C-alpha atoms as a PDB file:
ATOM      1  CA  MET A   1      50.352-134.559 111.942  1.00  0.00           C
ATOM      2  CA  LEU A   2      49.369-138.085 109.753  1.00  0.00           C
ATOM      3  CA  PRO A   3      47.290-140.395 111.562  1.00  0.00           C
ATOM      4  CA  ARG A   4      50.007-143.101 111.532  1.00  0.00           C
ATOM      5  CA  ALA A   5      52.616-140.677 113.613  1.00  0.00           C
ATOM      6  CA  VAL A   6      49.529-139.706 115.840  1.00  0.00           C
ATOM      7  CA  LEU A   7      49.329-143.422 116.400  1.00  0.00           C
ATOM      8  CA  GLU A   8      52.572-143.928 117.366  1.00  0.00           C
ATOM      9  CA  GLN A   9      53.098-141.185 119.568  1.00  0.00           C
ATOM     10  CA  THR A  10      49.923-142.112 121.803  1.00  0.00           C
ATOM     11  CA  THR A  11      50.858-145.878 122.044  1.00  0.00           C
ATOM     12  CA  HIS A  12      54.939-145.044 122.396  1.00  0.00           C
ATOM     13  CA  ARG A  13      53.836-145.878 126.419  1.00  0.00           C
ATOM     14  CA  LEU A  14      52.398-149.108 125.764  1.00  0.00           C
ATOM     15  CA  VAL A  15      54.534-152.324 126.550  1.00  0.00           C
ATOM     16  CA  LEU A  16      53.520-155.787 125.554  1.00  0.00           C
ATOM     17  CA  ARG A  17      54.861-159.197 125.784  1.00  0.00           C
ATOM     18  CA  ARG A  18      55.101-161.094 122.611  1.00  0.00           C
ATOM     19  CA  ARG A  19      55.600-164.582 121.377  1.00  0.00           C
ATOM     20  CA  LEU A  20      57.948-164.624 118.383  1.00  0.00           C
ATOM     21  CA  PRO A  21      56.919-166.633 115.159  1.00  0.00           C
ATOM     22  CA  ARG A  22      57.480-170.390 114.458  1.00  0.00           C
ATOM     23  CA  PRO A  23      60.629-171.459 114.422  1.00  0.00           C
ATOM     24  CA  PHE A  24      61.348-169.272 117.529  1.00  0.00           C
ATOM     25  CA  ARG A  25      58.055-169.290 119.432  1.00  0.00           C
ATOM     26  CA  ALA A  26      60.632-170.361 122.254  1.00  0.00           C
ATOM     27  CA  ALA A  27      61.697-166.703 122.425  1.00  0.00           C
ATOM     28  CA  ARG A  28      59.361-163.958 123.878  1.00  0.00           C
ATOM     29  CA  ILE A  29      60.112-160.077 123.791  1.00  0.00           C
ATOM     30  CA  TYR A  30      58.703-156.718 125.376  1.00  0.00           C
ATOM     31  CA  VAL A  31      57.648-154.636 122.474  1.00  0.00           C
ATOM     32  CA  SER A  32      56.639-151.096 121.985  1.00  0.00           C
ATOM     33  CA  SER A  33      55.849-148.668 118.948  1.00  0.00           C
ATOM     34  CA  GLU A  34      58.559-147.179 120.032  1.00  0.00           C
ATOM     35  CA  GLY A  35      60.529-149.682 117.539  1.00  0.00           C
ATOM     36  CA  GLY A  36      57.515-149.192 115.546  1.00  0.00           C
ATOM     37  CA  LEU A  37      53.629-149.719 114.912  1.00  0.00           C
ATOM     38  CA  ARG A  38      54.361-153.072 113.479  1.00  0.00           C
ATOM     39  CA  TYR A  39      55.466-154.725 117.097  1.00  0.00           C
ATOM     40  CA  LEU A  40      51.906-153.590 118.163  1.00  0.00           C
ATOM     41  CA  ARG A  41      50.503-156.802 115.966  1.00  0.00           C
ATOM     42  CA  ALA A  42      49.158-159.593 117.722  1.00  0.00           C
ATOM     43  CA  SER A  43      51.178-161.745 115.559  1.00  0.00           C
ATOM     44  CA  MET A  44      54.824-161.269 114.940  1.00  0.00           C
ATOM     45  CA  SER A  45      54.764-163.422 112.204  1.00  0.00           C
ATOM     46  CA  GLY A  46      54.323-160.533 109.478  1.00  0.00           C
ATOM     47  CA  VAL A  47      57.205-157.909 111.426  1.00  0.00           C
ATOM     48  CA  ASP A  48      60.472-158.866 109.674  1.00  0.00           C
ATOM     49  CA  PRO A  49      60.248-162.273 107.788  1.00  0.00           C
ATOM     50  CA  ASP A  50      63.060-161.747 105.672  1.00  0.00           C
ATOM     51  CA  LEU A  51      65.281-161.377 108.934  1.00  0.00           C
ATOM     52  CA  LEU A  52      63.926-163.993 110.792  1.00  0.00           C
ATOM     53  CA  ARG A  53      64.307-166.360 107.612  1.00  0.00           C
ATOM     54  CA  LEU A  54      67.741-165.356 107.874  1.00  0.00           C
ATOM     55  CA  ALA A  55      68.232-165.692 111.156  1.00  0.00           C
ATOM     56  CA  ALA A  56      67.240-169.430 110.619  1.00  0.00           C
ATOM     57  CA  GLU A  57      69.100-170.339 107.817  1.00  0.00           C
ATOM     58  CA  MET A  58      72.360-168.410 109.114  1.00  0.00           C
ATOM     59  CA  ILE A  59      72.597-169.115 112.584  1.00  0.00           C
ATOM     60  CA  ARG A  60      73.515-172.742 114.334  1.00  0.00           C
ATOM     61  CA  PRO A  61      73.616-174.137 117.306  1.00  0.00           C
ATOM     62  CA  GLY A  62      76.384-172.942 119.491  1.00  0.00           C
ATOM     63  CA  ASP A  63      77.009-169.517 117.232  1.00  0.00           C
ATOM     64  CA  VAL A  64      77.984-166.264 118.745  1.00  0.00           C
ATOM     65  CA  VAL A  65      76.092-163.649 117.485  1.00  0.00           C
ATOM     66  CA  TRP A  66      76.631-159.768 117.655  1.00  0.00           C
ATOM     67  CA  ASP A  67      73.144-157.715 116.822  1.00  0.00           C
ATOM     68  CA  ILE A  68      74.249-153.857 116.355  1.00  0.00           C
ATOM     69  CA  GLY A  69      71.716-151.324 116.112  1.00  0.00           C
ATOM     70  CA  ALA A  70      69.789-154.091 118.163  1.00  0.00           C
ATOM     71  CA  ASN A  71      66.178-152.165 118.723  1.00  0.00           C
ATOM     72  CA  ILE A  72      63.437-154.174 120.821  1.00  0.00           C
ATOM     73  CA  GLY A  73      65.797-157.299 120.222  1.00  0.00           C
ATOM     74  CA  LEU A  74      63.359-159.350 117.304  1.00  0.00           C
ATOM     75  CA  PHE A  75      66.888-160.174 115.998  1.00  0.00           C
ATOM     76  CA  SER A  76      68.398-160.878 119.047  1.00  0.00           C
ATOM     77  CA  PHE A  77      66.265-163.077 120.401  1.00  0.00           C
ATOM     78  CA  ALA A  78      65.502-165.186 117.448  1.00  0.00           C
ATOM     79  CA  ALA A  79      69.480-165.564 117.152  1.00  0.00           C
ATOM     80  CA  ALA A  80      69.208-167.017 121.244  1.00  0.00           C
ATOM     81  CA  VAL A  81      66.909-169.586 119.791  1.00  0.00           C
ATOM     82  CA  ALA A  82      68.654-170.627 116.709  1.00  0.00           C
ATOM     83  CA  ALA A  83      72.111-170.387 118.496  1.00  0.00           C
ATOM     84  CA  GLY A  84      70.810-172.434 121.823  1.00  0.00           C
ATOM     85  CA  PRO A  85      72.054-172.791 124.704  1.00  0.00           C
ATOM     86  CA  ASN A  86      75.695-172.867 124.081  1.00  0.00           C
ATOM     87  CA  GLY A  87      75.293-170.063 121.867  1.00  0.00           C
ATOM     88  CA  HIS A  88      76.077-166.423 122.624  1.00  0.00           C
ATOM     89  CA  VAL A  89      73.969-163.225 121.756  1.00  0.00           C
ATOM     90  CA  LEU A  90      75.555-159.590 122.360  1.00  0.00           C
ATOM     91  CA  ALA A  91      73.091-156.965 121.510  1.00  0.00           C
ATOM     92  CA  LEU A  92      74.221-153.252 121.168  1.00  0.00           C
ATOM     93  CA  GLU A  93      72.232-150.634 121.124  1.00  0.00           C
ATOM     94  CA  PRO A  94      72.527-146.992 122.056  1.00  0.00           C
ATOM     95  CA  ASP A  95      69.101-146.017 123.461  1.00  0.00           C
ATOM     96  CA  ALA A  96      68.513-146.214 126.765  1.00  0.00           C
ATOM     97  CA  LEU A  97      64.926-146.530 126.952  1.00  0.00           C
ATOM     98  CA  LEU A  98      64.982-149.805 124.309  1.00  0.00           C
ATOM     99  CA  VAL A  99      68.101-151.425 126.747  1.00  0.00           C
ATOM    100  CA  GLY A 100      65.880-151.178 129.540  1.00  0.00           C
ATOM    101  CA  MET A 101      63.102-153.332 127.443  1.00  0.00           C
ATOM    102  CA  LEU A 102      66.097-155.540 126.003  1.00  0.00           C
ATOM    103  CA  ARG A 103      67.690-156.382 129.566  1.00  0.00           C
ATOM    104  CA  ARG A 104      63.752-157.063 130.335  1.00  0.00           C
ATOM    105  CA  SER A 105      63.226-159.564 127.928  1.00  0.00           C
ATOM    106  CA  ALA A 106      66.650-161.126 128.509  1.00  0.00           C
ATOM    107  CA  VAL A 107      65.345-162.147 132.122  1.00  0.00           C
ATOM    108  CA  ALA A 108      62.227-163.714 130.889  1.00  0.00           C
ATOM    109  CA  ASN A 109      64.003-166.011 128.247  1.00  0.00           C
ATOM    110  CA  HIS A 110      65.154-169.367 129.700  1.00  0.00           C
ATOM    111  CA  ASN A 111      67.004-172.281 127.627  1.00  0.00           C
ATOM    112  CA  LEU A 112      68.080-170.223 124.826  1.00  0.00           C
ATOM    113  CA  ALA A 113      71.163-168.494 124.137  1.00  0.00           C
ATOM    114  CA  PRO A 114      72.474-165.957 126.923  1.00  0.00           C
ATOM    115  CA  VAL A 115      71.742-162.567 125.205  1.00  0.00           C
ATOM    116  CA  GLU A 116      73.791-160.004 126.891  1.00  0.00           C
ATOM    117  CA  VAL A 117      73.136-156.054 126.276  1.00  0.00           C
ATOM    118  CA  LEU A 118      75.740-153.762 125.906  1.00  0.00           C
ATOM    119  CA  PRO A 119      74.159-149.797 126.110  1.00  0.00           C
ATOM    120  CA  VAL A 120      77.064-148.182 123.319  1.00  0.00           C
ATOM    121  CA  ALA A 121      77.118-147.429 119.917  1.00  0.00           C
ATOM    122  CA  VAL A 122      79.428-148.966 117.592  1.00  0.00           C
ATOM    123  CA  SER A 123      81.327-146.735 115.107  1.00  0.00           C
ATOM    124  CA  ASP A 124      85.027-146.186 113.819  1.00  0.00           C
ATOM    125  CA  GLU A 125      86.377-144.844 116.902  1.00  0.00           C
ATOM    126  CA  ILE A 126      85.946-145.152 121.007  1.00  0.00           C
ATOM    127  CA  ALA A 127      84.523-141.654 121.648  1.00  0.00           C
ATOM    128  CA  VAL A 128      81.437-140.093 122.758  1.00  0.00           C
ATOM    129  CA  ALA A 129      79.152-139.361 120.124  1.00  0.00           C
ATOM    130  CA  ARG A 130      75.428-137.476 119.490  1.00  0.00           C
ATOM    131  CA  PHE A 131      72.582-139.757 119.732  1.00  0.00           C
ATOM    132  CA  HIS A 132      69.381-138.044 117.875  1.00  0.00           C
ATOM    133  CA  ILE A 133      66.034-140.015 119.272  1.00  0.00           C
ATOM    134  CA  ALA A 134      63.756-139.584 116.181  1.00  0.00           C
ATOM    135  CA  ARG A 135      60.674-138.075 116.897  1.00  0.00           C
ATOM    136  CA  ARG A 136      58.426-140.882 115.121  1.00  0.00           C
ATOM    137  CA  ASN A 137      60.025-144.094 116.696  1.00  0.00           C
ATOM    138  CA  ARG A 138      63.360-144.905 118.428  1.00  0.00           C
ATOM    139  CA  ALA A 139      63.801-147.706 115.439  1.00  0.00           C
ATOM    140  CA  THR A 140      64.874-144.532 113.417  1.00  0.00           C
ATOM    141  CA  SER A 141      66.999-143.136 115.793  1.00  0.00           C
ATOM    142  CA  HIS A 142      70.926-142.303 114.706  1.00  0.00           C
ATOM    143  CA  LEU A 143      74.050-140.728 115.561  1.00  0.00           C
ATOM    144  CA  ASP A 144      74.848-137.206 114.146  1.00  0.00           C
ATOM    145  CA  GLY A 145      75.399-136.545 110.797  1.00  0.00           C
ATOM    146  CA  PHE A 146      73.465-139.784 109.647  1.00  0.00           C
ATOM    147  CA  GLY A 147      69.925-141.051 110.000  1.00  0.00           C
ATOM    148  CA  THR A 148      67.118-140.957 106.958  1.00  0.00           C
ATOM    149  CA  ASP A 149      63.978-139.108 106.430  1.00  0.00           C
ATOM    150  CA  GLN A 150      62.195-142.135 108.060  1.00  0.00           C
ATOM    151  CA  ALA A 151      63.030-140.349 111.722  1.00  0.00           C
ATOM    152  CA  GLY A 152      60.438-137.436 111.274  1.00  0.00           C
ATOM    153  CA  GLY A 153      62.934-135.438 113.186  1.00  0.00           C
ATOM    154  CA  VAL A 154      64.177-135.150 116.015  1.00  0.00           C
ATOM    155  CA  ARG A 155      62.266-135.455 119.544  1.00  0.00           C
ATOM    156  CA  THR A 156      65.723-134.928 121.720  1.00  0.00           C
ATOM    157  CA  THR A 157      69.620-135.549 122.018  1.00  0.00           C
ATOM    158  CA  GLU A 158      71.827-137.699 124.257  1.00  0.00           C
ATOM    159  CA  LEU A 159      75.574-138.489 124.940  1.00  0.00           C
ATOM    160  CA  VAL A 160      76.651-142.214 124.178  1.00  0.00           C
ATOM    161  CA  PRO A 161      79.506-143.940 124.339  1.00  0.00           C
ATOM    162  CA  THR A 162      80.754-145.566 120.713  1.00  0.00           C
ATOM    163  CA  VAL A 163      83.232-148.515 120.127  1.00  0.00           C
ATOM    164  CA  THR A 164      84.714-150.260 117.289  1.00  0.00           C
ATOM    165  CA  LEU A 165      84.424-153.990 116.215  1.00  0.00           C
ATOM    166  CA  ASP A 166      87.886-153.999 116.973  1.00  0.00           C
ATOM    167  CA  TRP A 167      87.037-153.095 120.855  1.00  0.00           C
ATOM    168  CA  LEU A 168      84.652-155.339 121.257  1.00  0.00           C
ATOM    169  CA  ILE A 169      86.394-158.498 119.776  1.00  0.00           C
ATOM    170  CA  THR A 170      88.933-158.162 122.287  1.00  0.00           C
ATOM    171  CA  ARG A 171      86.751-158.382 124.736  1.00  0.00           C
ATOM    172  CA  PHE A 172      83.821-160.868 123.674  1.00  0.00           C
ATOM    173  CA  PRO A 173      84.074-164.035 121.698  1.00  0.00           C
ATOM    174  CA  THR A 174      84.617-164.007 117.925  1.00  0.00           C
ATOM    175  CA  PRO A 175      80.956-163.822 116.267  1.00  0.00           C
ATOM    176  CA  ASN A 176      80.289-166.300 113.782  1.00  0.00           C
ATOM    177  CA  VAL A 177      77.089-163.676 113.111  1.00  0.00           C
ATOM    178  CA  VAL A 178      76.879-159.828 112.880  1.00  0.00           C
ATOM    179  CA  LYS A 179      73.095-157.878 112.073  1.00  0.00           C
ATOM    180  CA  ILE A 180      73.962-154.631 111.483  1.00  0.00           C
ATOM    181  CA  ASP A 181      70.726-152.039 111.132  1.00  0.00           C
ATOM    182  CA  VAL A 182      72.634-148.298 112.302  1.00  0.00           C
ATOM    183  CA  GLU A 183      70.147-145.966 110.185  1.00  0.00           C
ATOM    184  CA  ALA A 184      72.898-144.967 106.945  1.00  0.00           C
ATOM    185  CA  ALA A 185      76.143-145.531 109.571  1.00  0.00           C
ATOM    186  CA  GLU A 186      76.971-148.851 108.609  1.00  0.00           C
ATOM    187  CA  LEU A 187      80.322-147.599 107.058  1.00  0.00           C
ATOM    188  CA  LYS A 188      81.256-146.095 110.215  1.00  0.00           C
ATOM    189  CA  VAL A 189      80.954-149.630 111.797  1.00  0.00           C
ATOM    190  CA  LEU A 190      82.330-151.414 109.375  1.00  0.00           C
ATOM    191  CA  SER A 191      85.330-149.433 108.901  1.00  0.00           C
ATOM    192  CA  GLY A 192      86.056-149.843 112.596  1.00  0.00           C
ATOM    193  CA  GLY A 193      86.107-153.966 112.247  1.00  0.00           C
ATOM    194  CA  ALA A 194      89.287-155.245 110.026  1.00  0.00           C
ATOM    195  CA  SER A 195      89.897-157.748 112.710  1.00  0.00           C
ATOM    196  CA  VAL A 196      86.448-158.865 112.954  1.00  0.00           C
ATOM    197  CA  LEU A 197      85.787-158.846 109.213  1.00  0.00           C
ATOM    198  CA  ARG A 198      89.340-160.608 108.714  1.00  0.00           C
ATOM    199  CA  SER A 199      87.475-163.595 111.033  1.00  0.00           C
ATOM    200  CA  ARG A 200      84.467-163.467 108.296  1.00  0.00           C
ATOM    201  CA  PRO A 201      81.837-164.001 109.965  1.00  0.00           C
ATOM    202  CA  THR A 202      78.055-163.809 107.938  1.00  0.00           C
ATOM    203  CA  ILE A 203      77.195-160.280 107.609  1.00  0.00           C
ATOM    204  CA  ILE A 204      73.372-159.219 107.574  1.00  0.00           C
ATOM    205  CA  CYS A 205      73.241-155.271 106.885  1.00  0.00           C
ATOM    206  CA  GLU A 206      71.062-152.495 106.008  1.00  0.00           C
ATOM    207  CA  VAL A 207      72.918-150.323 103.668  1.00  0.00           C
ATOM    208  CA  ALA A 208      71.473-146.672 102.772  1.00  0.00           C
ATOM    209  CA  GLY A 209      71.706-146.398  98.761  1.00  0.00           C
ATOM    210  CA  HIS A 210      74.851-143.423  99.241  1.00  0.00           C
ATOM    211  CA  ASN A 211      76.706-145.883 100.822  1.00  0.00           C
ATOM    212  CA  ALA A 212      75.980-149.035  98.539  1.00  0.00           C
ATOM    213  CA  ALA A 213      79.389-148.753  96.545  1.00  0.00           C
ATOM    214  CA  THR A 214      81.408-148.103  98.878  1.00  0.00           C
ATOM    215  CA  ALA A 215      79.963-150.595 101.084  1.00  0.00           C
ATOM    216  CA  ALA A 216      80.403-153.390  98.477  1.00  0.00           C
ATOM    217  CA  GLU A 217      83.920-152.463  97.903  1.00  0.00           C
ATOM    218  CA  LEU A 218      85.182-152.672 101.619  1.00  0.00           C
ATOM    219  CA  LEU A 219      83.293-155.725 101.892  1.00  0.00           C
ATOM    220  CA  SER A 220      84.646-157.455  98.995  1.00  0.00           C
ATOM    221  CA  ALA A 221      88.300-156.320  99.821  1.00  0.00           C
ATOM    222  CA  TYR A 222      87.964-158.981 102.786  1.00  0.00           C
ATOM    223  CA  GLY A 223      86.952-161.874 100.332  1.00  0.00           C
ATOM    224  CA  TYR A 224      82.837-161.165 100.890  1.00  0.00           C
ATOM    225  CA  THR A 225      79.991-162.325  98.300  1.00  0.00           C
ATOM    226  CA  LEU A 226      77.123-159.703  98.308  1.00  0.00           C
ATOM    227  CA  TYR A 227      73.539-161.183  98.272  1.00  0.00           C
ATOM    228  CA  ASP A 228      69.893-159.488  98.238  1.00  0.00           C
ATOM    229  CA  ALA A 229      69.187-160.265 101.619  1.00  0.00           C
ATOM    230  CA  HIS A 230      65.494-160.925 100.416  1.00  0.00           C
ATOM    231  CA  GLN A 231      66.054-163.723  97.905  1.00  0.00           C
ATOM    232  CA  SER A 232      65.647-167.234  98.946  1.00  0.00           C
ATOM    233  CA  SER A 233      68.556-169.385  99.197  1.00  0.00           C
ATOM    234  CA  ASP A 234      67.759-170.723  95.296  1.00  0.00           C
ATOM    235  CA  GLN A 235      67.577-167.629  94.319  1.00  0.00           C
ATOM    236  CA  ARG A 236      70.647-165.745  95.141  1.00  0.00           C
ATOM    237  CA  THR A 237      72.919-164.675  92.581  1.00  0.00           C
ATOM    238  CA  PRO A 238      76.154-162.167  93.887  1.00  0.00           C
ATOM    239  CA  MET A 239      75.648-158.341  93.854  1.00  0.00           C
ATOM    240  CA  ALA A 240      78.202-155.395  92.406  1.00  0.00           C
ATOM    241  CA  VAL A 241      77.105-153.418  94.472  1.00  0.00           C
ATOM    242  CA  ALA A 242      75.483-153.816  98.035  1.00  0.00           C
ATOM    243  CA  PRO A 243      71.674-153.932  98.156  1.00  0.00           C
ATOM    244  CA  PRO A 244      69.495-152.313 100.838  1.00  0.00           C
ATOM    245  CA  ASP A 245      69.391-155.195 102.605  1.00  0.00           C
ATOM    246  CA  THR A 246      72.756-156.909 102.234  1.00  0.00           C
ATOM    247  CA  LEU A 247      73.677-160.244 102.949  1.00  0.00           C
ATOM    248  CA  ALA A 248      77.552-160.786 103.143  1.00  0.00           C
ATOM    249  CA  ILE A 249      78.817-164.187 103.084  1.00  0.00           C
ATOM    250  CA  CYS A 250      82.627-165.573 103.165  1.00  0.00           C
ATOM    251  CA  GLY A 251      83.883-169.440 101.821  1.00  0.00           C
ATOM    252  CA  ASN A 252      83.259-170.302 105.357  1.00  0.00           C
ATOM    253  CA  ARG A 253      79.505-170.157 105.114  1.00  0.00           C
ATOM    254  CA  PRO A 254      77.364-171.789 102.152  1.00  0.00           C
END
C-alpha cells in the first residue's frame, strides 16, 4: 500500500474536535480521517476554502440549507453559522458511522441554526439501495453503480434507504441553498427534484465529467445559470457545460 493509504487506515479510529475557520469559528465539529486525511490538520482553514467561501457568500440569516452527502459536516455546520438561529440545516448522509459523528457535532453546537441529520441517500426514487463503503476513506463511499477511482476499492457494502428531493420538500422547509456531493450520482439526485428545482434554490454541486453536459441541460431547463464554483464573484462567467464544481444560480439570488 502507498504511504497515504497506510496513514488513512491507521488513523481512521482517531476522532478529533476541530473549530471551523473564520467566519465560522462559532462552530466546532468532530472529525476523522474517515472523512479524508485533510481533517487531521490542526487548522481547518485549508480543508475546503472554496466551499466555505460559497457558504459565506450564498447563505443568508434565516436560510434553509440542505447538505446532500454531508460527510463529516464541514458545509453543514458552516451553513449553521451563516444561517443563524432562525435558519435550518438538513444534513443527509447514508453512512452510519458519519451520521454518528454529525449528530455528535449537532449536539455540541449552540446558538446556530439547528442541524438535523437524516440517515438516507438521495436518489431518483424511494427505495433501498446498496451503498459501498470506500476502502480509502468514507468521503468517497457511493451508491452501487456510481463512485470514482478515488475510493480505492470497497471495504464493505450496506443497505441504505433512498429518498428523493421531492419527497423531502413535502416534509421539510423549502431550501434556499442545496449542496450536493454524491460521488457521480448527482443526476439521480437532480432527476428526483422537479419541485425543488422549480423553487430555484442556489445549488452547489460536484459533477462528474461524464455527467457534465446532461447536468447542464437539466439545470438550464429550470432557469439556472451555471458557474465554476472556484471562481470568485467578480470573475464568474456563465458556463455551457457543468464544471466539476458547479454553482447554479437562478434570478432569485445575485
